[in-house]
C-alpha cells in the first residue's frame, strides 16, 4: 500500500464520521485508510475546539511546505540561474 496525504474532502469526511460517533478504526475502514493514518491525522490536527478540517488542512499544508524535502529555491531564482548558464554556455 502506498501512502497518500488526506485531501481536504477526506478531512471533512473524518469530521462528519467523528461527530456521528464512529471510532477511529471504523473511520479508517470506511475511508479505506490505515487506522494509523486516521490516528495521526487526529493527533496532529486536533485543537482546543476539537478536530476542525479546514484548520487541519491548513496546518498540513504548512507542515509540508516547511519540511526538509520541500522546495528550497524559488522559481525566480531558478530562472535567473538558467539565464546565467545560457549566457556562459
C-alpha atoms as a PDB file:
ATOM      1  CA  UNK A   1       0.000   0.000   0.000  1.00  0.00           C
ATOM      2  CA  UNK A   2       1.362   3.431  -0.867  1.00  0.00           C
ATOM      3  CA  UNK A   3       0.841   6.458   1.305  1.00  0.00           C
ATOM      4  CA  UNK A   4      -1.125   9.455   0.082  1.00  0.00           C
ATOM      5  CA  UNK A   5      -1.984  12.529   2.088  1.00  0.00           C
ATOM      6  CA  UNK A   6      -5.563  13.115   3.088  1.00  0.00           C
ATOM      7  CA  UNK A   7      -7.426  15.504   0.841  1.00  0.00           C
ATOM      8  CA  UNK A   8      -9.499  18.354   2.184  1.00  0.00           C
ATOM      9  CA  UNK A   9     -12.669  16.430   1.305  1.00  0.00           C
ATOM     10  CA  UNK A  10     -11.417  13.418   3.267  1.00  0.00           C
ATOM     11  CA  UNK A  11     -10.743  15.651   6.265  1.00  0.00           C
ATOM     12  CA  UNK A  12     -14.370  16.815   6.166  1.00  0.00           C
ATOM     13  CA  UNK A  13     -15.421  13.167   5.959  1.00  0.00           C
ATOM     14  CA  UNK A  14     -13.346  12.406   9.083  1.00  0.00           C
ATOM     15  CA  UNK A  15     -15.105  15.236  10.916  1.00  0.00           C
ATOM     16  CA  UNK A  16     -18.566  14.007   9.916  1.00  0.00           C
ATOM     17  CA  UNK A  17     -17.800  10.439  10.963  1.00  0.00           C
ATOM     18  CA  UNK A  18     -16.348  11.609  14.299  1.00  0.00           C
ATOM     19  CA  UNK A  19     -19.449  13.676  15.005  1.00  0.00           C
ATOM     20  CA  UNK A  20     -21.572  10.629  14.156  1.00  0.00           C
ATOM     21  CA  UNK A  21     -19.795   8.824  16.987  1.00  0.00           C
ATOM     22  CA  UNK A  22     -17.615   6.439  14.981  1.00  0.00           C
ATOM     23  CA  UNK A  23     -14.305   5.229  16.412  1.00  0.00           C
ATOM     24  CA  UNK A  24     -11.013   5.762  14.588  1.00  0.00           C
ATOM     25  CA  UNK A  25     -10.740   2.160  13.359  1.00  0.00           C
ATOM     26  CA  UNK A  26     -14.259   2.317  11.891  1.00  0.00           C
ATOM     27  CA  UNK A  27     -13.496   5.639  10.184  1.00  0.00           C
ATOM     28  CA  UNK A  28     -10.330   4.125   8.719  1.00  0.00           C
ATOM     29  CA  UNK A  29     -12.213   1.105   7.380  1.00  0.00           C
ATOM     30  CA  UNK A  30     -14.992   3.245   5.873  1.00  0.00           C
ATOM     31  CA  UNK A  31     -12.463   5.527   4.203  1.00  0.00           C
ATOM     32  CA  UNK A  32     -10.252   2.619   3.112  1.00  0.00           C
ATOM     33  CA  UNK A  33      -7.301   4.063   5.024  1.00  0.00           C
ATOM     34  CA  UNK A  34      -4.969   2.552   7.578  1.00  0.00           C
ATOM     35  CA  UNK A  35      -6.074   3.191  11.149  1.00  0.00           C
ATOM     36  CA  UNK A  36      -2.680   4.795  11.898  1.00  0.00           C
ATOM     37  CA  UNK A  37      -3.363   7.383   9.188  1.00  0.00           C
ATOM     38  CA  UNK A  38      -6.558   8.498  10.925  1.00  0.00           C
ATOM     39  CA  UNK A  39      -4.896   8.367  14.337  1.00  0.00           C
ATOM     40  CA  UNK A  40      -2.006  10.547  13.119  1.00  0.00           C
ATOM     41  CA  UNK A  41      -4.396  12.987  11.461  1.00  0.00           C
ATOM     42  CA  UNK A  42      -6.373  13.478  14.655  1.00  0.00           C
ATOM     43  CA  UNK A  43      -3.278  13.702  16.872  1.00  0.00           C
ATOM     44  CA  UNK A  44      -1.562  16.289  14.683  1.00  0.00           C
ATOM     45  CA  UNK A  45      -4.588  18.425  13.922  1.00  0.00           C
ATOM     46  CA  UNK A  46      -6.859  18.361  16.952  1.00  0.00           C
ATOM     47  CA  UNK A  47      -7.050  21.748  18.628  1.00  0.00           C
ATOM     48  CA  UNK A  48      -8.697  23.020  21.772  1.00  0.00           C
ATOM     49  CA  UNK A  49     -12.037  23.034  19.955  1.00  0.00           C
ATOM     50  CA  UNK A  50     -11.666  19.504  18.613  1.00  0.00           C
ATOM     51  CA  UNK A  51     -10.951  18.375  15.070  1.00  0.00           C
ATOM     52  CA  UNK A  52     -11.603  21.082  12.511  1.00  0.00           C
ATOM     53  CA  UNK A  53     -10.983  20.002   8.895  1.00  0.00           C
ATOM     54  CA  UNK A  54     -10.292  23.449   7.399  1.00  0.00           C
ATOM     55  CA  UNK A  55      -7.724  24.194  10.089  1.00  0.00           C
ATOM     56  CA  UNK A  56      -6.305  20.672   9.756  1.00  0.00           C
ATOM     57  CA  UNK A  57      -5.792  21.107   6.016  1.00  0.00           C
ATOM     58  CA  UNK A  58      -4.059  24.470   6.522  1.00  0.00           C
ATOM     59  CA  UNK A  59      -1.769  23.000   9.184  1.00  0.00           C
ATOM     60  CA  UNK A  60      -0.903  20.030   6.966  1.00  0.00           C
ATOM     61  CA  UNK A  61      -0.059  22.286   4.005  1.00  0.00           C
ATOM     62  CA  UNK A  62       2.093  24.493   6.243  1.00  0.00           C
ATOM     63  CA  UNK A  63       3.988  21.462   7.562  1.00  0.00           C
ATOM     64  CA  UNK A  64       4.523  20.172   4.044  1.00  0.00           C
ATOM     65  CA  UNK A  65       5.974  23.489   2.874  1.00  0.00           C
ATOM     66  CA  UNK A  66       8.273  23.724   5.890  1.00  0.00           C
ATOM     67  CA  UNK A  67       9.629  20.183   5.646  1.00  0.00           C
ATOM     68  CA  UNK A  68      13.231  19.449   4.721  1.00  0.00           C
ATOM     69  CA  UNK A  69      12.159  17.870   1.437  1.00  0.00           C
ATOM     70  CA  UNK A  70      10.164  20.898   0.370  1.00  0.00           C
ATOM     71  CA  UNK A  71      11.275  23.317  -2.320  1.00  0.00           C
ATOM     72  CA  UNK A  72      14.347  25.209  -1.168  1.00  0.00           C
ATOM     73  CA  UNK A  73      14.844  27.519  -4.137  1.00  0.00           C
ATOM     74  CA  UNK A  74      12.002  29.542  -5.585  1.00  0.00           C
ATOM     75  CA  UNK A  75      11.157  29.606  -9.287  1.00  0.00           C
ATOM     76  CA  UNK A  76      12.519  33.121  -9.901  1.00  0.00           C
ATOM     77  CA  UNK A  77      15.940  32.097  -8.624  1.00  0.00           C
ATOM     78  CA  UNK A  78      15.971  29.050 -10.909  1.00  0.00           C
ATOM     79  CA  UNK A  79      15.059  31.264 -13.879  1.00  0.00           C
ATOM     80  CA  UNK A  80      17.972  33.557 -13.071  1.00  0.00           C
ATOM     81  CA  UNK A  81      20.373  30.614 -12.777  1.00  0.00           C
ATOM     82  CA  UNK A  82      19.225  29.171 -16.107  1.00  0.00           C
ATOM     83  CA  UNK A  83      19.593  32.579 -17.755  1.00  0.00           C
ATOM     84  CA  UNK A  84      23.153  32.959 -16.441  1.00  0.00           C
ATOM     85  CA  UNK A  85      24.065  29.418 -17.540  1.00  0.00           C
ATOM     86  CA  UNK A  86      22.810  30.137 -21.065  1.00  0.00           C
ATOM     87  CA  UNK A  87      24.933  33.313 -21.170  1.00  0.00           C
ATOM     88  CA  UNK A  88      28.082  31.366 -20.216  1.00  0.00           C
ATOM     89  CA  UNK A  89      27.357  28.264 -22.297  1.00  0.00           C
END
